[in-house]
PDB file of N, CA and C in Angstrom:
ATOM      1  N   MET A   1      21.532  28.326 -38.653  1.00  0.00           N
ATOM      2  CA  MET A   1      20.597  27.686 -37.767  1.00  0.00           C
ATOM      3  C   MET A   1      19.683  26.738 -38.538  1.00  0.00           C
ATOM      4  N   SER A   2      19.175  27.181 -39.680  1.00  0.00           N
ATOM      5  CA  SER A   2      18.215  26.333 -40.400  1.00  0.00           C
ATOM      6  C   SER A   2      18.869  25.040 -40.868  1.00  0.00           C
ATOM      7  N   ASN A   3      20.132  25.086 -41.293  1.00  0.00           N
ATOM      8  CA  ASN A   3      20.823  23.849 -41.680  1.00  0.00           C
ATOM      9  C   ASN A   3      20.944  22.904 -40.493  1.00  0.00           C
ATOM     10  N   SER A   4      21.314  23.441 -39.337  1.00  0.00           N
ATOM     11  CA  SER A   4      21.447  22.610 -38.139  1.00  0.00           C
ATOM     12  C   SER A   4      20.112  21.992 -37.755  1.00  0.00           C
ATOM     13  N   LEU A   5      19.061  22.780 -37.800  1.00  0.00           N
ATOM     14  CA  LEU A   5      17.739  22.257 -37.464  1.00  0.00           C
ATOM     15  C   LEU A   5      17.300  21.175 -38.453  1.00  0.00           C
ATOM     16  N   ARG A   6      17.601  21.376 -39.722  1.00  0.00           N
ATOM     17  CA  ARG A   6      17.203  20.417 -40.767  1.00  0.00           C
ATOM     18  C   ARG A   6      17.950  19.089 -40.632  1.00  0.00           C
ATOM     19  N   HIS A   7      19.206  19.125 -40.175  1.00  0.00           N
ATOM     20  CA  HIS A   7      20.037  17.918 -40.144  1.00  0.00           C
ATOM     21  C   HIS A   7      20.214  17.321 -38.749  1.00  0.00           C
ATOM     22  N   THR A   8      19.432  17.797 -37.784  1.00  0.00           N
ATOM     23  CA  THR A   8      19.496  17.263 -36.420  1.00  0.00           C
ATOM     24  C   THR A   8      18.202  16.514 -36.126  1.00  0.00           C
ATOM     25  N   PRO A   9      18.298  15.268 -35.662  1.00  0.00           N
ATOM     26  CA  PRO A   9      17.079  14.511 -35.359  1.00  0.00           C
ATOM     27  C   PRO A   9      16.290  15.139 -34.205  1.00  0.00           C
ATOM     28  N   ALA A  10      15.028  14.744 -34.091  1.00  0.00           N
ATOM     29  CA  ALA A  10      14.133  15.310 -33.072  1.00  0.00           C
ATOM     30  C   ALA A  10      14.684  15.170 -31.659  1.00  0.00           C
ATOM     31  N   ASP A  11      15.433  14.111 -31.387  1.00  0.00           N
ATOM     32  CA  ASP A  11      15.984  13.923 -30.040  1.00  0.00           C
ATOM     33  C   ASP A  11      17.367  14.554 -29.873  1.00  0.00           C
ATOM     34  N   GLY A  12      17.836  15.287 -30.891  1.00  0.00           N
ATOM     35  CA  GLY A  12      19.129  15.951 -30.831  1.00  0.00           C
ATOM     36  C   GLY A  12      18.994  17.369 -30.298  1.00  0.00           C
ATOM     37  N   SER A  13      20.082  18.128 -30.425  1.00  0.00           N
ATOM     38  CA  SER A  13      20.041  19.513 -29.945  1.00  0.00           C
ATOM     39  C   SER A  13      20.816  20.434 -30.883  1.00  0.00           C
ATOM     40  N   VAL A  14      20.389  21.683 -30.888  1.00  0.00           N
ATOM     41  CA  VAL A  14      21.078  22.756 -31.599  1.00  0.00           C
ATOM     42  C   VAL A  14      21.304  23.856 -30.573  1.00  0.00           C
ATOM     43  N   THR A  15      22.554  24.296 -30.439  1.00  0.00           N
ATOM     44  CA  THR A  15      22.912  25.299 -29.444  1.00  0.00           C
ATOM     45  C   THR A  15      23.506  26.519 -30.131  1.00  0.00           C
ATOM     46  N   LEU A  16      23.027  27.685 -29.769  1.00  0.00           N
ATOM     47  CA  LEU A  16      23.550  28.952 -30.270  1.00  0.00           C
ATOM     48  C   LEU A  16      24.264  29.644 -29.117  1.00  0.00           C
ATOM     49  N   ARG A  17      25.537  30.024 -29.343  1.00  0.00           N
ATOM     50  CA  ARG A  17      26.322  30.723 -28.335  1.00  0.00           C
ATOM     51  C   ARG A  17      26.917  31.987 -28.971  1.00  0.00           C
ATOM     52  N   ALA A  18      26.995  33.034 -28.197  1.00  0.00           N
ATOM     53  CA  ALA A  18      27.651  34.268 -28.636  1.00  0.00           C
ATOM     54  C   ALA A  18      28.392  34.858 -27.446  1.00  0.00           C
ATOM     55  N   ALA A  19      29.624  35.295 -27.676  1.00  0.00           N
ATOM     56  CA  ALA A  19      30.420  35.854 -26.588  1.00  0.00           C
ATOM     57  C   ALA A  19      31.553  36.701 -27.153  1.00  0.00           C
ATOM     58  N   PRO A  20      31.957  37.711 -26.402  1.00  0.00           N
ATOM     59  CA  PRO A  20      33.147  38.471 -26.801  1.00  0.00           C
ATOM     60  C   PRO A  20      34.385  37.608 -26.601  1.00  0.00           C
ATOM     61  N   ALA A  21      35.402  37.865 -27.405  1.00  0.00           N
ATOM     62  CA  ALA A  21      36.647  37.102 -27.289  1.00  0.00           C
ATOM     63  C   ALA A  21      37.838  38.043 -27.464  1.00  0.00           C
ATOM     64  N   GLY A  22      38.920  37.708 -26.816  1.00  0.00           N
ATOM     65  CA  GLY A  22      40.142  38.496 -26.915  1.00  0.00           C
ATOM     66  C   GLY A  22      41.129  38.049 -25.866  1.00  0.00           C
ATOM     67  N   GLU A  23      42.208  38.770 -25.769  1.00  0.00           N
ATOM     68  CA  GLU A  23      43.244  38.439 -24.791  1.00  0.00           C
ATOM     69  C   GLU A  23      42.753  38.722 -23.376  1.00  0.00           C
ATOM     70  N   ALA A  24      43.167  37.880 -22.455  1.00  0.00           N
ATOM     71  CA  ALA A  24      42.793  38.047 -21.051  1.00  0.00           C
ATOM     72  C   ALA A  24      43.268  39.402 -20.531  1.00  0.00           C
ATOM     73  N   GLY A  25      42.410  40.082 -19.807  1.00  0.00           N
ATOM     74  CA  GLY A  25      42.767  41.361 -19.215  1.00  0.00           C
ATOM     75  C   GLY A  25      42.637  42.546 -20.145  1.00  0.00           C
ATOM     76  N   LYS A  26      42.263  42.310 -21.387  1.00  0.00           N
ATOM     77  CA  LYS A  26      42.093  43.398 -22.354  1.00  0.00           C
ATOM     78  C   LYS A  26      40.645  43.410 -22.831  1.00  0.00           C
ATOM     79  N   GLN A  27      40.267  44.532 -23.405  1.00  0.00           N
ATOM     80  CA  GLN A  27      38.928  44.634 -23.974  1.00  0.00           C
ATOM     81  C   GLN A  27      38.802  43.644 -25.136  1.00  0.00           C
ATOM     82  N   ALA A  28      37.645  43.013 -25.227  1.00  0.00           N
ATOM     83  CA  ALA A  28      37.413  42.038 -26.289  1.00  0.00           C
ATOM     84  C   ALA A  28      37.584  42.684 -27.660  1.00  0.00           C
ATOM     85  N   GLU A  29      38.195  41.943 -28.563  1.00  0.00           N
ATOM     86  CA  GLU A  29      38.432  42.436 -29.917  1.00  0.00           C
ATOM     87  C   GLU A  29      37.450  41.874 -30.926  1.00  0.00           C
ATOM     88  N   THR A  30      36.886  40.719 -30.623  1.00  0.00           N
ATOM     89  CA  THR A  30      35.958  40.088 -31.547  1.00  0.00           C
ATOM     90  C   THR A  30      34.748  39.540 -30.799  1.00  0.00           C
ATOM     91  N   VAL A  31      33.704  39.308 -31.533  1.00  0.00           N
ATOM     92  CA  VAL A  31      32.564  38.577 -31.008  1.00  0.00           C
ATOM     93  C   VAL A  31      32.538  37.243 -31.770  1.00  0.00           C
ATOM     94  N   VAL A  32      32.322  36.175 -31.026  1.00  0.00           N
ATOM     95  CA  VAL A  32      32.295  34.837 -31.606  1.00  0.00           C
ATOM     96  C   VAL A  32      30.873  34.290 -31.468  1.00  0.00           C
ATOM     97  N   ILE A  33      30.328  33.836 -32.573  1.00  0.00           N
ATOM     98  CA  ILE A  33      28.999  33.231 -32.594  1.00  0.00           C
ATOM     99  C   ILE A  33      29.169  31.796 -33.063  1.00  0.00           C
ATOM    100  N   GLU A  34      28.619  30.859 -32.297  1.00  0.00           N
ATOM    101  CA  GLU A  34      28.704  29.441 -32.658  1.00  0.00           C
ATOM    102  C   GLU A  34      27.323  28.831 -32.743  1.00  0.00           C
ATOM    103  N   VAL A  35      27.139  28.016 -33.768  1.00  0.00           N
ATOM    104  CA  VAL A  35      25.957  27.175 -33.879  1.00  0.00           C
ATOM    105  C   VAL A  35      26.480  25.742 -33.841  1.00  0.00           C
ATOM    106  N   ALA A  36      26.115  25.017 -32.797  1.00  0.00           N
ATOM    107  CA  ALA A  36      26.576  23.634 -32.615  1.00  0.00           C
ATOM    108  C   ALA A  36      25.366  22.716 -32.625  1.00  0.00           C
ATOM    109  N   ASP A  37      25.501  21.583 -33.295  1.00  0.00           N
ATOM    110  CA  ASP A  37      24.383  20.646 -33.332  1.00  0.00           C
ATOM    111  C   ASP A  37      24.853  19.219 -33.092  1.00  0.00           C
ATOM    112  N   THR A  38      23.911  18.354 -32.811  1.00  0.00           N
ATOM    113  CA  THR A  38      24.177  16.923 -32.655  1.00  0.00           C
ATOM    114  C   THR A  38      23.563  16.187 -33.835  1.00  0.00           C
ATOM    115  N   GLY A  39      23.693  16.792 -34.997  1.00  0.00           N
ATOM    116  CA  GLY A  39      23.095  16.257 -36.214  1.00  0.00           C
ATOM    117  C   GLY A  39      23.921  15.169 -36.868  1.00  0.00           C
ATOM    118  N   THR A  40      23.659  14.959 -38.139  1.00  0.00           N
ATOM    119  CA  THR A  40      24.279  13.883 -38.897  1.00  0.00           C
ATOM    120  C   THR A  40      25.762  14.103 -39.141  1.00  0.00           C
ATOM    121  N   GLY A  41      26.213  15.332 -39.067  1.00  0.00           N
ATOM    122  CA  GLY A  41      27.623  15.632 -39.318  1.00  0.00           C
ATOM    123  C   GLY A  41      27.923  15.707 -40.804  1.00  0.00           C
ATOM    124  N   ILE A  42      29.136  16.083 -41.116  1.00  0.00           N
ATOM    125  CA  ILE A  42      29.583  16.265 -42.493  1.00  0.00           C
ATOM    126  C   ILE A  42      30.826  15.418 -42.699  1.00  0.00           C
ATOM    127  N   ALA A  43      30.859  14.695 -43.797  1.00  0.00           N
ATOM    128  CA  ALA A  43      32.009  13.844 -44.109  1.00  0.00           C
ATOM    129  C   ALA A  43      33.270  14.696 -44.253  1.00  0.00           C
ATOM    130  N   PRO A  44      34.419  14.190 -43.783  1.00  0.00           N
ATOM    131  CA  PRO A  44      35.667  14.972 -43.849  1.00  0.00           C
ATOM    132  C   PRO A  44      35.986  15.476 -45.256  1.00  0.00           C
ATOM    133  N   GLU A  45      35.714  14.675 -46.274  1.00  0.00           N
ATOM    134  CA  GLU A  45      36.021  15.098 -47.648  1.00  0.00           C
ATOM    135  C   GLU A  45      35.074  16.200 -48.139  1.00  0.00           C
ATOM    136  N   ASP A  46      33.905  16.322 -47.506  1.00  0.00           N
ATOM    137  CA  ASP A  46      32.944  17.355 -47.886  1.00  0.00           C
ATOM    138  C   ASP A  46      33.115  18.650 -47.108  1.00  0.00           C
ATOM    139  N   LEU A  47      33.723  18.591 -45.953  1.00  0.00           N
ATOM    140  CA  LEU A  47      33.830  19.768 -45.082  1.00  0.00           C
ATOM    141  C   LEU A  47      34.458  20.981 -45.772  1.00  0.00           C
ATOM    142  N   PRO A  48      35.524  20.840 -46.570  1.00  0.00           N
ATOM    143  CA  PRO A  48      36.086  22.025 -47.236  1.00  0.00           C
ATOM    144  C   PRO A  48      35.135  22.664 -48.251  1.00  0.00           C
ATOM    145  N   LEU A  49      34.074  21.967 -48.619  1.00  0.00           N
ATOM    146  CA  LEU A  49      33.159  22.459 -49.649  1.00  0.00           C
ATOM    147  C   LEU A  49      31.928  23.169 -49.112  1.00  0.00           C
ATOM    148  N   VAL A  50      31.667  23.112 -47.815  1.00  0.00           N
ATOM    149  CA  VAL A  50      30.390  23.589 -47.287  1.00  0.00           C
ATOM    150  C   VAL A  50      30.116  25.070 -47.536  1.00  0.00           C
ATOM    151  N   PHE A  51      31.144  25.884 -47.724  1.00  0.00           N
ATOM    152  CA  PHE A  51      30.940  27.307 -47.980  1.00  0.00           C
ATOM    153  C   PHE A  51      30.968  27.643 -49.471  1.00  0.00           C
ATOM    154  N   GLU A  52      31.053  26.630 -50.328  1.00  0.00           N
ATOM    155  CA  GLU A  52      31.052  26.847 -51.774  1.00  0.00           C
ATOM    156  C   GLU A  52      29.623  27.083 -52.268  1.00  0.00           C
ATOM    157  N   ARG A  53      29.470  28.002 -53.221  1.00  0.00           N
ATOM    158  CA  ARG A  53      28.144  28.261 -53.791  1.00  0.00           C
ATOM    159  C   ARG A  53      27.595  27.013 -54.464  1.00  0.00           C
ATOM    160  N   PHE A  54      26.328  26.759 -54.232  1.00  0.00           N
ATOM    161  CA  PHE A  54      25.546  25.674 -54.830  1.00  0.00           C
ATOM    162  C   PHE A  54      25.931  24.281 -54.345  1.00  0.00           C
ATOM    163  N   TRP A  55      26.850  24.177 -53.397  1.00  0.00           N
ATOM    164  CA  TRP A  55      27.192  22.854 -52.866  1.00  0.00           C
ATOM    165  C   TRP A  55      26.140  22.450 -51.848  1.00  0.00           C
ATOM    166  N   ARG A  56      25.699  21.201 -51.936  1.00  0.00           N
ATOM    167  CA  ARG A  56      24.719  20.677 -50.981  1.00  0.00           C
ATOM    168  C   ARG A  56      25.193  19.315 -50.518  1.00  0.00           C
ATOM    169  N   ALA A  57      25.032  19.054 -49.232  1.00  0.00           N
ATOM    170  CA  ALA A  57      25.497  17.794 -48.648  1.00  0.00           C
ATOM    171  C   ALA A  57      24.746  16.599 -49.211  1.00  0.00           C
ATOM    172  N   GLU A  58      23.459  16.757 -49.401  1.00  0.00           N
ATOM    173  CA  GLU A  58      22.645  15.642 -49.885  1.00  0.00           C
ATOM    174  C   GLU A  58      22.343  15.852 -51.363  1.00  0.00           C
ATOM    175  N   ARG A  59      23.214  15.348 -52.195  1.00  0.00           N
ATOM    176  CA  ARG A  59      23.111  15.558 -53.630  1.00  0.00           C
ATOM    177  C   ARG A  59      21.852  14.945 -54.232  1.00  0.00           C
ATOM    178  N   SER A  60      21.324  13.908 -53.589  1.00  0.00           N
ATOM    179  CA  SER A  60      20.160  13.219 -54.126  1.00  0.00           C
ATOM    180  C   SER A  60      18.860  13.983 -53.885  1.00  0.00           C
ATOM    181  N   ARG A  61      18.869  14.942 -52.976  1.00  0.00           N
ATOM    182  CA  ARG A  61      17.644  15.681 -52.652  1.00  0.00           C
ATOM    183  C   ARG A  61      17.393  16.774 -53.671  1.00  0.00           C
ATOM    184  N   SER A  62      16.144  17.004 -53.961  1.00  0.00           N
ATOM    185  CA  SER A  62      15.789  18.055 -54.900  1.00  0.00           C
ATOM    186  C   SER A  62      15.852  19.411 -54.210  1.00  0.00           C
ATOM    187  N   ARG A  63      15.862  20.468 -54.989  1.00  0.00           N
ATOM    188  CA  ARG A  63      15.895  21.817 -54.428  1.00  0.00           C
ATOM    189  C   ARG A  63      14.582  22.152 -53.721  1.00  0.00           C
ATOM    190  N   GLN A  64      13.509  21.403 -53.984  1.00  0.00           N
ATOM    191  CA  GLN A  64      12.253  21.649 -53.289  1.00  0.00           C
ATOM    192  C   GLN A  64      12.308  21.153 -51.846  1.00  0.00           C
ATOM    193  N   THR A  65      13.114  20.140 -51.558  1.00  0.00           N
ATOM    194  CA  THR A  65      13.161  19.577 -50.208  1.00  0.00           C
ATOM    195  C   THR A  65      14.394  19.990 -49.432  1.00  0.00           C
ATOM    196  N   SER A  66      15.350  20.613 -50.082  1.00  0.00           N
ATOM    197  CA  SER A  66      16.516  21.117 -49.364  1.00  0.00           C
ATOM    198  C   SER A  66      16.891  22.472 -49.939  1.00  0.00           C
ATOM    199  N   GLY A  67      17.906  23.091 -49.386  1.00  0.00           N
ATOM    200  CA  GLY A  67      18.279  24.437 -49.789  1.00  0.00           C
ATOM    201  C   GLY A  67      18.910  24.507 -51.164  1.00  0.00           C
ATOM    202  N   SER A  68      19.190  25.733 -51.567  1.00  0.00           N
ATOM    203  CA  SER A  68      19.771  25.983 -52.881  1.00  0.00           C
ATOM    204  C   SER A  68      21.282  25.823 -52.877  1.00  0.00           C
ATOM    205  N   GLY A  69      21.880  25.722 -51.693  1.00  0.00           N
ATOM    206  CA  GLY A  69      23.330  25.655 -51.612  1.00  0.00           C
ATOM    207  C   GLY A  69      23.972  27.024 -51.596  1.00  0.00           C
ATOM    208  N   LEU A  70      23.205  28.045 -51.297  1.00  0.00           N
ATOM    209  CA  LEU A  70      23.739  29.414 -51.264  1.00  0.00           C
ATOM    210  C   LEU A  70      23.912  29.970 -49.853  1.00  0.00           C
ATOM    211  N   GLY A  71      23.181  29.459 -48.887  1.00  0.00           N
ATOM    212  CA  GLY A  71      23.163  30.036 -47.545  1.00  0.00           C
ATOM    213  C   GLY A  71      24.522  30.205 -46.910  1.00  0.00           C
ATOM    214  N   LEU A  72      25.305  29.135 -46.829  1.00  0.00           N
ATOM    215  CA  LEU A  72      26.613  29.230 -46.176  1.00  0.00           C
ATOM    216  C   LEU A  72      27.608  30.043 -46.996  1.00  0.00           C
ATOM    217  N   ALA A  73      27.470  30.026 -48.318  1.00  0.00           N
ATOM    218  CA  ALA A  73      28.333  30.865 -49.164  1.00  0.00           C
ATOM    219  C   ALA A  73      28.056  32.337 -48.874  1.00  0.00           C
ATOM    220  N   ILE A  74      26.788  32.695 -48.710  1.00  0.00           N
ATOM    221  CA  ILE A  74      26.416  34.070 -48.387  1.00  0.00           C
ATOM    222  C   ILE A  74      26.928  34.445 -46.995  1.00  0.00           C
ATOM    223  N   VAL A  75      26.793  33.547 -46.044  1.00  0.00           N
ATOM    224  CA  VAL A  75      27.300  33.801 -44.691  1.00  0.00           C
ATOM    225  C   VAL A  75      28.791  34.115 -44.730  1.00  0.00           C
ATOM    226  N   ARG A  76      29.568  33.283 -45.428  1.00  0.00           N
ATOM    227  CA  ARG A  76      31.018  33.523 -45.479  1.00  0.00           C
ATOM    228  C   ARG A  76      31.328  34.861 -46.147  1.00  0.00           C
ATOM    229  N   GLN A  77      30.647  35.184 -47.236  1.00  0.00           N
ATOM    230  CA  GLN A  77      30.893  36.455 -47.918  1.00  0.00           C
ATOM    231  C   GLN A  77      30.569  37.647 -47.010  1.00  0.00           C
ATOM    232  N   LEU A  78      29.467  37.561 -46.270  1.00  0.00           N
ATOM    233  CA  LEU A  78      29.115  38.636 -45.339  1.00  0.00           C
ATOM    234  C   LEU A  78      30.160  38.794 -44.239  1.00  0.00           C
ATOM    235  N   MET A  79      30.620  37.680 -43.696  1.00  0.00           N
ATOM    236  CA  MET A  79      31.633  37.746 -42.641  1.00  0.00           C
ATOM    237  C   MET A  79      32.908  38.383 -43.176  1.00  0.00           C
ATOM    238  N   GLU A  80      33.366  37.939 -44.341  1.00  0.00           N
ATOM    239  CA  GLU A  80      34.595  38.479 -44.921  1.00  0.00           C
ATOM    240  C   GLU A  80      34.451  39.958 -45.280  1.00  0.00           C
ATOM    241  N   ALA A  81      33.273  40.360 -45.748  1.00  0.00           N
ATOM    242  CA  ALA A  81      33.039  41.761 -46.098  1.00  0.00           C
ATOM    243  C   ALA A  81      33.151  42.674 -44.876  1.00  0.00           C
ATOM    244  N   HIS A  82      32.934  42.114 -43.696  1.00  0.00           N
ATOM    245  CA  HIS A  82      33.016  42.890 -42.462  1.00  0.00           C
ATOM    246  C   HIS A  82      34.271  42.571 -41.653  1.00  0.00           C
ATOM    247  N   GLY A  83      35.259  41.954 -42.308  1.00  0.00           N
ATOM    248  CA  GLY A  83      36.530  41.669 -41.649  1.00  0.00           C
ATOM    249  C   GLY A  83      36.503  40.461 -40.744  1.00  0.00           C
ATOM    250  N   GLY A  84      35.513  39.609 -40.887  1.00  0.00           N
ATOM    251  CA  GLY A  84      35.387  38.432 -40.035  1.00  0.00           C
ATOM    252  C   GLY A  84      35.658  37.135 -40.769  1.00  0.00           C
ATOM    253  N   THR A  85      35.335  36.043 -40.108  1.00  0.00           N
ATOM    254  CA  THR A  85      35.543  34.715 -40.681  1.00  0.00           C
ATOM    255  C   THR A  85      34.344  33.819 -40.382  1.00  0.00           C
ATOM    256  N   ALA A  86      34.205  32.797 -41.199  1.00  0.00           N
ATOM    257  CA  ALA A  86      33.208  31.743 -40.978  1.00  0.00           C
ATOM    258  C   ALA A  86      33.928  30.418 -41.183  1.00  0.00           C
ATOM    259  N   THR A  87      33.855  29.546 -40.187  1.00  0.00           N
ATOM    260  CA  THR A  87      34.520  28.246 -40.272  1.00  0.00           C
ATOM    261  C   THR A  87      33.560  27.149 -39.813  1.00  0.00           C
ATOM    262  N   ALA A  88      33.921  25.927 -40.155  1.00  0.00           N
ATOM    263  CA  ALA A  88      33.097  24.781 -39.748  1.00  0.00           C
ATOM    264  C   ALA A  88      34.002  23.628 -39.371  1.00  0.00           C
ATOM    265  N   ARG A  89      33.537  22.857 -38.387  1.00  0.00           N
ATOM    266  CA  ARG A  89      34.178  21.593 -38.047  1.00  0.00           C
ATOM    267  C   ARG A  89      33.057  20.593 -37.802  1.00  0.00           C
ATOM    268  N   SER A  90      33.341  19.338 -38.065  1.00  0.00           N
ATOM    269  CA  SER A  90      32.273  18.356 -37.972  1.00  0.00           C
ATOM    270  C   SER A  90      32.827  16.953 -37.814  1.00  0.00           C
ATOM    271  N   SER A  91      32.009  16.097 -37.216  1.00  0.00           N
ATOM    272  CA  SER A  91      32.304  14.669 -37.102  1.00  0.00           C
ATOM    273  C   SER A  91      31.046  13.914 -37.511  1.00  0.00           C
ATOM    274  N   PRO A  92      31.133  13.099 -38.557  1.00  0.00           N
ATOM    275  CA  PRO A  92      29.959  12.339 -38.979  1.00  0.00           C
ATOM    276  C   PRO A  92      29.371  11.524 -37.828  1.00  0.00           C
ATOM    277  N   GLY A  93      28.061  11.607 -37.701  1.00  0.00           N
ATOM    278  CA  GLY A  93      27.368  10.881 -36.649  1.00  0.00           C
ATOM    279  C   GLY A  93      27.396  11.554 -35.287  1.00  0.00           C
ATOM    280  N   ILE A  94      28.168  12.628 -35.160  1.00  0.00           N
ATOM    281  CA  ILE A  94      28.286  13.325 -33.868  1.00  0.00           C
ATOM    282  C   ILE A  94      27.701  14.736 -33.957  1.00  0.00           C
ATOM    283  N   GLY A  95      28.005  15.451 -35.012  1.00  0.00           N
ATOM    284  CA  GLY A  95      27.468  16.787 -35.192  1.00  0.00           C
ATOM    285  C   GLY A  95      28.462  17.759 -35.786  1.00  0.00           C
ATOM    286  N   SER A  96      28.031  19.011 -35.873  1.00  0.00           N
ATOM    287  CA  SER A  96      28.828  20.060 -36.498  1.00  0.00           C
ATOM    288  C   SER A  96      28.830  21.313 -35.641  1.00  0.00           C
ATOM    289  N   VAL A  97      29.872  22.124 -35.828  1.00  0.00           N
ATOM    290  CA  VAL A  97      29.958  23.429 -35.181  1.00  0.00           C
ATOM    291  C   VAL A  97      30.362  24.439 -36.251  1.00  0.00           C
ATOM    292  N   PHE A  98      29.536  25.465 -36.414  1.00  0.00           N
ATOM    293  CA  PHE A  98      29.829  26.559 -37.333  1.00  0.00           C
ATOM    294  C   PHE A  98      30.164  27.774 -36.473  1.00  0.00           C
ATOM    295  N   THR A  99      31.318  28.397 -36.755  1.00  0.00           N
ATOM    296  CA  THR A  99      31.808  29.507 -35.937  1.00  0.00           C
ATOM    297  C   THR A  99      31.959  30.753 -36.798  1.00  0.00           C
ATOM    298  N   LEU A 100      31.366  31.837 -36.333  1.00  0.00           N
ATOM    299  CA  LEU A 100      31.485  33.143 -36.986  1.00  0.00           C
ATOM    300  C   LEU A 100      32.249  34.053 -36.052  1.00  0.00           C
ATOM    301  N   GLN A 101      33.221  34.784 -36.584  1.00  0.00           N
ATOM    302  CA  GLN A 101      33.980  35.750 -35.789  1.00  0.00           C
ATOM    303  C   GLN A 101      33.926  37.096 -36.497  1.00  0.00           C
ATOM    304  N   LEU A 102      33.570  38.124 -35.739  1.00  0.00           N
ATOM    305  CA  LEU A 102      33.519  39.480 -36.264  1.00  0.00           C
ATOM    306  C   LEU A 102      34.288  40.425 -35.360  1.00  0.00           C
ATOM    307  N   PRO A 103      35.080  41.326 -35.955  1.00  0.00           N
ATOM    308  CA  PRO A 103      35.751  42.331 -35.134  1.00  0.00           C
ATOM    309  C   PRO A 103      34.710  43.243 -34.498  1.00  0.00           C
ATOM    310  N   ILE A 104      34.840  43.494 -33.207  1.00  0.00           N
ATOM    311  CA  ILE A 104      33.880  44.322 -32.493  1.00  0.00           C
ATOM    312  C   ILE A 104      33.882  45.746 -33.026  1.00  0.00           C
ATOM    313  N   ASP A 105      35.038  46.267 -33.431  1.00  0.00           N
ATOM    314  CA  ASP A 105      35.068  47.643 -33.936  1.00  0.00           C
ATOM    315  C   ASP A 105      34.216  47.794 -35.189  1.00  0.00           C
ATOM    316  N   ARG A 106      34.068  46.727 -35.984  1.00  0.00           N
ATOM    317  CA  ARG A 106      33.207  46.761 -37.162  1.00  0.00           C
ATOM    318  C   ARG A 106      31.731  46.819 -36.778  1.00  0.00           C
ATOM    319  N   LEU A 107      31.393  46.260 -35.624  1.00  0.00           N
ATOM    320  CA  LEU A 107      30.007  46.252 -35.152  1.00  0.00           C
ATOM    321  C   LEU A 107      29.592  47.644 -34.676  1.00  0.00           C
ATOM    322  N   ARG A 108      30.567  48.456 -34.270  1.00  0.00           N
ATOM    323  CA  ARG A 108      30.271  49.792 -33.770  1.00  0.00           C
ATOM    324  C   ARG A 108      30.095  50.803 -34.886  1.00  0.00           C
ATOM    325  N   ASP A 109      30.619  50.521 -36.069  1.00  0.00           N
ATOM    326  CA  ASP A 109      30.544  51.470 -37.206  1.00  0.00           C
ATOM    327  C   ASP A 109      29.132  51.665 -37.700  1.00  0.00           C
TER     328      ASP A 109
END
C-alpha cells in the first residue's frame, strides 16, 4: 500500500480488494488480495526486479526520501513461507497491480 500511495499522484487512486477464490461451486481454496493503483507504473524491464532485495524503482532518490528496497522482498518471502504467491503487473503511465494469494487452509492454522 505505501508504495502505491507514494507513486500515485493526488488525483489518482489506490484500490485494495480481497476476496476468496476457487473453482465455481466449491469452497474457496485461496484468498486473493490486490492493491491496484493509477500511479506512474513500472517499466517492463524493471518489473521482474520489483521483488528483489534492495531494488528501488527510482535509483536517483536517496534512502531518506524513498524506501530501502526491502518491503516487496519481505512480502514475497512471507507469502512463500505460507504457501502463497506475490506477483505484480504494470503499465507505465497507467498504474500497477500487486496480487497476493494465500491458501485458506494456511489462514486457519
